[in-house]
Amino acid sequence: MEVFRNPNRVRKDFAELANNDTGFIRLMAETGSMKTFNVEVDGPTDSPYHTGKFVVNVTIPPNFPYDPPKMKLVTRVWHPNISCRGKLCVDILDENWVPGMTLLEVLEAIRGLLSNPNPNSPLNVEAAVMYRDTRAMYEQVCITFTNTYAEGRRAEWEMEEKVSVLTALGVSRWDAVQKLAMMKCNVQDVIDDLHLD
């Protein structure tokens, strides 16, 4: 049984998520708990993520709303403020949390982060450097990650096959994913670039 310090507030925020009419944030169907659940967030139209649907895992602590919720991006994404493990660099989930903030508002802020990266506070330093120094390449890598990980399982399986080829040649998994993203998923171009043949 789920025990919260303020169960009415948890129910209210959960209901707001379930019934919101934004059209771009949805409580996922398999949710059976108000303690831990997933939400699907559409990529913002003004970003290289616009075609993607990103899954955010939400965990409500017992002391909510006095303690912030824990949120983690489940869908892989290339972004300066999101680690490769889905950790989010969003100040309202930490030191700037206020108990009056709703779960929907936090998810809207995460969606906004996709449009407005902050390269000065990176969790993914490589993405931050690329964002600052070579914006066109950064956007191409974002699009490739979105197409691969946020648009459905088939693209993800195809990418996994390509990653497997490169890891069999001694390339680390993370380097393989990054190189494939930068080279529009062309395995032969990555092999040539890394001089693996």
C-alpha atoms as a PDB file:
ATOM      1  CA  MET A   1       0.000   0.000   0.000  1.00  0.00           C
ATOM      2  CA  GLU A   2       1.244   3.460  -0.913  1.00  0.00           C
ATOM      3  CA  VAL A   3       1.634   5.838   2.027  1.00  0.00           C
ATOM      4  CA  PHE A   4       2.006   9.555   1.403  1.00  0.00           C
ATOM      5  CA  ARG A   5       2.188  12.425   3.868  1.00  0.00           C
ATOM      6  CA  ASN A   6      -0.331  14.320   1.730  1.00  0.00           C
ATOM      7  CA  PRO A   7      -2.360  11.686  -0.192  1.00  0.00           C
ATOM      8  CA  ASN A   8      -4.943  14.238  -1.377  1.00  0.00           C
ATOM      9  CA  ARG A   9      -2.250  16.267  -3.093  1.00  0.00           C
ATOM     10  CA  VAL A  10      -0.801  13.153  -4.752  1.00  0.00           C
ATOM     11  CA  ARG A  11      -4.269  12.154  -6.016  1.00  0.00           C
ATOM     12  CA  LYS A  12      -4.889  15.692  -7.285  1.00  0.00           C
ATOM     13  CA  ASP A  13      -1.604  15.835  -9.244  1.00  0.00           C
ATOM     14  CA  PHE A  14      -2.109  12.309 -10.569  1.00  0.00           C
ATOM     15  CA  ALA A  15      -5.646  13.198 -11.738  1.00  0.00           C
ATOM     16  CA  GLU A  16      -4.352  16.379 -13.370  1.00  0.00           C
ATOM     17  CA  LEU A  17      -1.836  14.292 -15.323  1.00  0.00           C
ATOM     18  CA  ALA A  18      -4.432  11.708 -16.294  1.00  0.00           C
ATOM     19  CA  ASN A  19      -6.935  14.330 -17.454  1.00  0.00           C
ATOM     20  CA  ASN A  20      -4.689  17.070 -18.852  1.00  0.00           C
ATOM     21  CA  ASP A  21      -5.597  18.384 -22.274  1.00  0.00           C
ATOM     22  CA  THR A  22      -2.180  19.646 -23.378  1.00  0.00           C
ATOM     23  CA  GLY A  23      -2.020  16.923 -26.025  1.00  0.00           C
ATOM     24  CA  PHE A  24       1.730  16.527 -25.543  1.00  0.00           C
ATOM     25  CA  ILE A  25       1.967  14.939 -22.068  1.00  0.00           C
ATOM     26  CA  ARG A  26       0.216  11.621 -21.424  1.00  0.00           C
ATOM     27  CA  LEU A  27       0.037   9.259 -18.485  1.00  0.00           C
ATOM     28  CA  MET A  28       0.947   5.845 -19.904  1.00  0.00           C
ATOM     29  CA  ALA A  29      -1.737   3.170 -19.926  1.00  0.00           C
ATOM     30  CA  GLU A  30       0.060   0.553 -17.832  1.00  0.00           C
ATOM     31  CA  THR A  31       0.189   2.835 -14.794  1.00  0.00           C
ATOM     32  CA  GLY A  32      -1.046   0.884 -11.785  1.00  0.00           C
ATOM     33  CA  SER A  33       0.514   2.974  -9.057  1.00  0.00           C
ATOM     34  CA  MET A  34       0.630   6.568  -7.926  1.00  0.00           C
ATOM     35  CA  LYS A  35       4.077   5.998  -6.413  1.00  0.00           C
ATOM     36  CA  THR A  36       5.991   5.088  -9.579  1.00  0.00           C
ATOM     37  CA  PHE A  37       4.665   5.499 -13.106  1.00  0.00           C
ATOM     38  CA  ASN A  38       5.627   6.519 -16.622  1.00  0.00           C
ATOM     39  CA  VAL A  39       4.535   9.532 -18.618  1.00  0.00           C
ATOM     40  CA  GLU A  40       4.990  10.043 -22.359  1.00  0.00           C
ATOM     41  CA  VAL A  41       6.102  13.509 -23.455  1.00  0.00           C
ATOM     42  CA  ASP A  42       6.061  14.629 -27.093  1.00  0.00           C
ATOM     43  CA  GLY A  43       9.155  16.395 -28.368  1.00  0.00           C
ATOM     44  CA  PRO A  44       8.661  20.148 -28.782  1.00  0.00           C
ATOM     45  CA  THR A  45       7.835  21.284 -32.317  1.00  0.00           C
ATOM     46  CA  ASP A  46      10.630  23.875 -32.307  1.00  0.00           C
ATOM     47  CA  SER A  47      13.387  21.348 -31.630  1.00  0.00           C
ATOM     48  CA  PRO A  48      15.265  18.473 -33.284  1.00  0.00           C
ATOM     49  CA  TYR A  49      13.219  16.200 -30.987  1.00  0.00           C
ATOM     50  CA  HIS A  50       9.860  17.147 -32.541  1.00  0.00           C
ATOM     51  CA  THR A  51       9.085  13.705 -33.999  1.00  0.00           C
ATOM     52  CA  GLY A  52       9.810  11.811 -30.791  1.00  0.00           C
ATOM     53  CA  LYS A  53       7.806  10.505 -27.881  1.00  0.00           C
ATOM     54  CA  PHE A  54       9.914  10.421 -24.725  1.00  0.00           C
ATOM     55  CA  VAL A  55       9.127   8.283 -21.696  1.00  0.00           C
ATOM     56  CA  VAL A  56       9.736   9.863 -18.287  1.00  0.00           C
ATOM     57  CA  ASN A  57       9.715   7.679 -15.176  1.00  0.00           C
ATOM     58  CA  VAL A  58       8.188   9.481 -12.180  1.00  0.00           C
ATOM     59  CA  THR A  59       8.617   8.406  -8.556  1.00  0.00           C
ATOM     60  CA  ILE A  60       6.648  10.220  -5.879  1.00  0.00           C
ATOM     61  CA  PRO A  61       8.417  10.299  -2.490  1.00  0.00           C
ATOM     62  CA  PRO A  62       6.374   9.747   0.697  1.00  0.00           C
ATOM     63  CA  ASN A  63       6.952  13.377   1.736  1.00  0.00           C
ATOM     64  CA  PHE A  64       5.608  14.860  -1.547  1.00  0.00           C
ATOM     65  CA  PRO A  65       4.959  17.769  -2.128  1.00  0.00           C
ATOM     66  CA  TYR A  66       7.503  18.884   0.460  1.00  0.00           C
ATOM     67  CA  ASP A  67      10.141  16.793  -1.308  1.00  0.00           C
ATOM     68  CA  PRO A  68      10.372  16.945  -5.107  1.00  0.00           C
ATOM     69  CA  PRO A  69       9.417  13.994  -7.278  1.00  0.00           C
ATOM     70  CA  LYS A  70      12.202  11.924  -8.807  1.00  0.00           C
ATOM     71  CA  MET A  71      12.110  11.965 -12.604  1.00  0.00           C
ATOM     72  CA  LYS A  72      14.302  10.161 -15.077  1.00  0.00           C
ATOM     73  CA  LEU A  73      14.161  10.002 -18.854  1.00  0.00           C
ATOM     74  CA  VAL A  74      13.775   6.359 -19.911  1.00  0.00           C
ATOM     75  CA  THR A  75      14.113   7.099 -23.633  1.00  0.00           C
ATOM     76  CA  ARG A  76      17.711   7.641 -24.761  1.00  0.00           C
ATOM     77  CA  VAL A  77      18.359  11.187 -25.898  1.00  0.00           C
ATOM     78  CA  TRP A  78      21.333  13.323 -26.958  1.00  0.00           C
ATOM     79  CA  HIS A  79      21.147  16.482 -24.862  1.00  0.00           C
ATOM     80  CA  PRO A  80      23.594  18.557 -22.782  1.00  0.00           C
ATOM     81  CA  ASN A  81      21.389  18.437 -19.673  1.00  0.00           C
ATOM     82  CA  ILE A  82      20.413  14.758 -19.786  1.00  0.00           C
ATOM     83  CA  SER A  83      22.905  12.022 -18.959  1.00  0.00           C
ATOM     84  CA  CYS A  84      23.214   8.801 -20.932  1.00  0.00           C
ATOM     85  CA  ARG A  85      21.393   7.130 -18.000  1.00  0.00           C
ATOM     86  CA  GLY A  86      18.470   9.555 -18.173  1.00  0.00           C
ATOM     87  CA  LYS A  87      19.368  11.783 -15.229  1.00  0.00           C
ATOM     88  CA  LEU A  88      17.927  15.259 -15.724  1.00  0.00           C
ATOM     89  CA  CYS A  89      19.635  18.541 -14.868  1.00  0.00           C
ATOM     90  CA  VAL A  90      16.516  20.508 -13.969  1.00  0.00           C
ATOM     91  CA  ASP A  91      16.850  22.813 -10.979  1.00  0.00           C
ATOM     92  CA  ILE A  92      13.165  22.537 -10.026  1.00  0.00           C
ATOM     93  CA  LEU A  93      13.778  18.869  -9.227  1.00  0.00           C
ATOM     94  CA  ASP A  94      16.434  19.940  -6.736  1.00  0.00           C
ATOM     95  CA  GLU A  95      17.261  23.183  -5.014  1.00  0.00           C
ATOM     96  CA  ASN A  96      14.513  25.245  -6.690  1.00  0.00           C
ATOM     97  CA  TRP A  97      11.648  22.871  -5.898  1.00  0.00           C
ATOM     98  CA  VAL A  98       8.607  24.524  -4.313  1.00  0.00           C
ATOM     99  CA  PRO A  99       5.738  22.471  -2.861  1.00  0.00           C
ATOM    100  CA  GLY A 100       3.154  24.423  -4.877  1.00  0.00           C
ATOM    101  CA  MET A 101       4.580  23.101  -8.158  1.00  0.00           C
ATOM    102  CA  THR A 102       2.550  20.332  -9.790  1.00  0.00           C
ATOM    103  CA  LEU A 103       3.805  17.224 -11.565  1.00  0.00           C
ATOM    104  CA  LEU A 104       2.358  18.551 -14.832  1.00  0.00           C
ATOM    105  CA  GLU A 105       4.332  21.786 -14.449  1.00  0.00           C
ATOM    106  CA  VAL A 106       7.553  19.836 -13.889  1.00  0.00           C
ATOM    107  CA  LEU A 107       6.913  17.690 -16.976  1.00  0.00           C
ATOM    108  CA  GLU A 108       6.214  20.831 -19.009  1.00  0.00           C
ATOM    109  CA  ALA A 109       9.575  22.201 -17.796  1.00  0.00           C
ATOM    110  CA  ILE A 110      11.315  18.994 -18.890  1.00  0.00           C
ATOM    111  CA  ARG A 111       9.668  19.319 -22.304  1.00  0.00           C
ATOM    112  CA  GLY A 112      10.862  22.924 -22.425  1.00  0.00           C
ATOM    113  CA  LEU A 113      14.400  21.788 -21.608  1.00  0.00           C
ATOM    114  CA  LEU A 114      14.433  19.852 -24.884  1.00  0.00           C
ATOM    115  CA  SER A 115      13.923  23.163 -26.727  1.00  0.00           C
ATOM    116  CA  ASN A 116      16.306  25.173 -24.572  1.00  0.00           C
ATOM    117  CA  PRO A 117      19.465  23.284 -23.590  1.00  0.00           C
ATOM    118  CA  ASN A 118      21.846  24.900 -21.124  1.00  0.00           C
ATOM    119  CA  PRO A 119      25.375  23.955 -22.226  1.00  0.00           C
ATOM    120  CA  ASN A 120      26.810  25.758 -19.171  1.00  0.00           C
ATOM    121  CA  SER A 121      25.366  23.139 -16.790  1.00  0.00           C
ATOM    122  CA  PRO A 122      25.956  19.867 -18.626  1.00  0.00           C
ATOM    123  CA  LEU A 123      25.449  16.274 -17.581  1.00  0.00           C
ATOM    124  CA  ASN A 124      26.539  15.214 -21.077  1.00  0.00           C
ATOM    125  CA  VAL A 125      29.697  17.251 -21.712  1.00  0.00           C
ATOM    126  CA  GLU A 126      30.153  15.953 -25.268  1.00  0.00           C
ATOM    127  CA  ALA A 127      26.660  17.075 -26.221  1.00  0.00           C
ATOM    128  CA  ALA A 128      27.267  20.478 -24.595  1.00  0.00           C
ATOM    129  CA  VAL A 129      30.516  21.024 -26.510  1.00  0.00           C
ATOM    130  CA  MET A 130      28.862  19.932 -29.741  1.00  0.00           C
ATOM    131  CA  TYR A 131      25.895  22.241 -29.053  1.00  0.00           C
ATOM    132  CA  ARG A 132      28.231  25.212 -28.506  1.00  0.00           C
ATOM    133  CA  ASP A 133      30.760  24.507 -31.250  1.00  0.00           C
ATOM    134  CA  THR A 134      28.983  22.690 -34.085  1.00  0.00           C
ATOM    135  CA  ARG A 135      25.238  23.293 -33.805  1.00  0.00           C
ATOM    136  CA  ALA A 136      24.384  21.623 -37.153  1.00  0.00           C
ATOM    137  CA  MET A 137      26.135  18.397 -36.116  1.00  0.00           C
ATOM    138  CA  TYR A 138      24.489  18.564 -32.680  1.00  0.00           C
ATOM    139  CA  GLU A 139      21.044  18.803 -34.276  1.00  0.00           C
ATOM    140  CA  GLN A 140      21.812  15.905 -36.634  1.00  0.00           C
ATOM    141  CA  VAL A 141      22.848  13.695 -33.706  1.00  0.00           C
ATOM    142  CA  CYS A 142      19.670  14.720 -31.816  1.00  0.00           C
ATOM    143  CA  ILE A 143      17.541  13.821 -34.842  1.00  0.00           C
ATOM    144  CA  THR A 144      19.294  10.458 -35.220  1.00  0.00           C
ATOM    145  CA  PHE A 145      18.813   9.618 -31.529  1.00  0.00           C
ATOM    146  CA  THR A 146      15.164  10.694 -31.752  1.00  0.00           C
ATOM    147  CA  ASN A 147      14.564   8.643 -34.890  1.00  0.00           C
ATOM    148  CA  THR A 148      16.269   5.649 -33.327  1.00  0.00           C
ATOM    149  CA  TYR A 149      15.043   5.665 -29.740  1.00  0.00           C
ATOM    150  CA  ALA A 150      11.906   7.811 -29.580  1.00  0.00           C
ATOM    151  CA  GLU A 151       9.915   6.746 -32.618  1.00  0.00           C
ATOM    152  CA  GLY A 152       9.333   3.044 -32.115  1.00  0.00           C
ATOM    153  CA  ARG A 153      10.943  -0.331 -31.626  1.00  0.00           C
ATOM    154  CA  ARG A 154      11.885  -1.176 -35.249  1.00  0.00           C
ATOM    155  CA  ALA A 155      14.376   1.682 -35.579  1.00  0.00           C
ATOM    156  CA  GLU A 156      15.856   0.758 -32.205  1.00  0.00           C
ATOM    157  CA  TRP A 157      16.365  -2.858 -33.297  1.00  0.00           C
ATOM    158  CA  GLU A 158      18.055  -1.736 -36.521  1.00  0.00           C
ATOM    159  CA  MET A 159      20.370   0.549 -34.542  1.00  0.00           C
ATOM    160  CA  GLU A 160      21.187  -2.286 -32.119  1.00  0.00           C
ATOM    161  CA  GLU A 161      22.275  -4.474 -35.054  1.00  0.00           C
ATOM    162  CA  LYS A 162      24.629  -1.739 -36.247  1.00  0.00           C
ATOM    163  CA  VAL A 163      25.991  -1.191 -32.745  1.00  0.00           C
ATOM    164  CA  SER A 164      26.611  -4.948 -32.449  1.00  0.00           C
ATOM    165  CA  VAL A 165      28.709  -4.905 -35.621  1.00  0.00           C
ATOM    166  CA  LEU A 166      30.879  -2.105 -34.237  1.00  0.00           C
ATOM    167  CA  THR A 167      31.219  -3.569 -30.735  1.00  0.00           C
ATOM    168  CA  ALA A 168      32.345  -6.837 -32.322  1.00  0.00           C
ATOM    169  CA  LEU A 169      35.140  -4.786 -33.907  1.00  0.00           C
ATOM    170  CA  GLY A 170      36.221  -3.503 -30.477  1.00  0.00           C
ATOM    171  CA  VAL A 171      34.352  -0.174 -30.333  1.00  0.00           C
ATOM    172  CA  SER A 172      32.677   0.607 -27.007  1.00  0.00           C
ATOM    173  CA  ARG A 173      28.892   0.592 -27.085  1.00  0.00           C
ATOM    174  CA  TRP A 174      28.602   4.313 -26.240  1.00  0.00           C
ATOM    175  CA  ASP A 175      31.217   5.294 -28.868  1.00  0.00           C
ATOM    176  CA  ALA A 176      29.419   3.148 -31.444  1.00  0.00           C
ATOM    177  CA  VAL A 177      26.087   4.877 -30.774  1.00  0.00           C
ATOM    178  CA  GLN A 178      27.669   8.338 -30.922  1.00  0.00           C
ATOM    179  CA  LYS A 179      29.625   7.664 -34.105  1.00  0.00           C
ATOM    180  CA  LEU A 180      26.590   6.132 -35.816  1.00  0.00           C
ATOM    181  CA  ALA A 181      24.524   9.174 -34.858  1.00  0.00           C
ATOM    182  CA  MET A 182      27.134  11.551 -36.250  1.00  0.00           C
ATOM    183  CA  MET A 183      27.453   9.554 -39.467  1.00  0.00           C
ATOM    184  CA  LYS A 184      23.740   9.119 -40.195  1.00  0.00           C
ATOM    185  CA  CYS A 185      23.764   5.444 -39.090  1.00  0.00           C
ATOM    186  CA  ASN A 186      26.163   4.358 -41.823  1.00  0.00           C
ATOM    187  CA  VAL A 187      28.247   1.512 -40.377  1.00  0.00           C
ATOM    188  CA  GLN A 188      30.802   1.568 -43.200  1.00  0.00           C
ATOM    189  CA  ASP A 189      31.434   5.298 -42.685  1.00  0.00           C
ATOM    190  CA  VAL A 190      32.100   4.661 -38.975  1.00  0.00           C
ATOM    191  CA  ILE A 191      34.444   1.777 -39.808  1.00  0.00           C
ATOM    192  CA  ASP A 192      36.315   4.007 -42.278  1.00  0.00           C
ATOM    193  CA  ASP A 193      36.451   6.927 -39.835  1.00  0.00           C
ATOM    194  CA  LEU A 194      37.844   4.755 -37.044  1.00  0.00           C
ATOM    195  CA  HIS A 195      40.187   2.924 -39.421  1.00  0.00           C
ATOM    196  CA  LEU A 196      38.824  -0.459 -38.311  1.00  0.00           C
ATOM    197  CA  ASP A 197      39.203  -2.383 -41.552  1.00  0.00           C
END
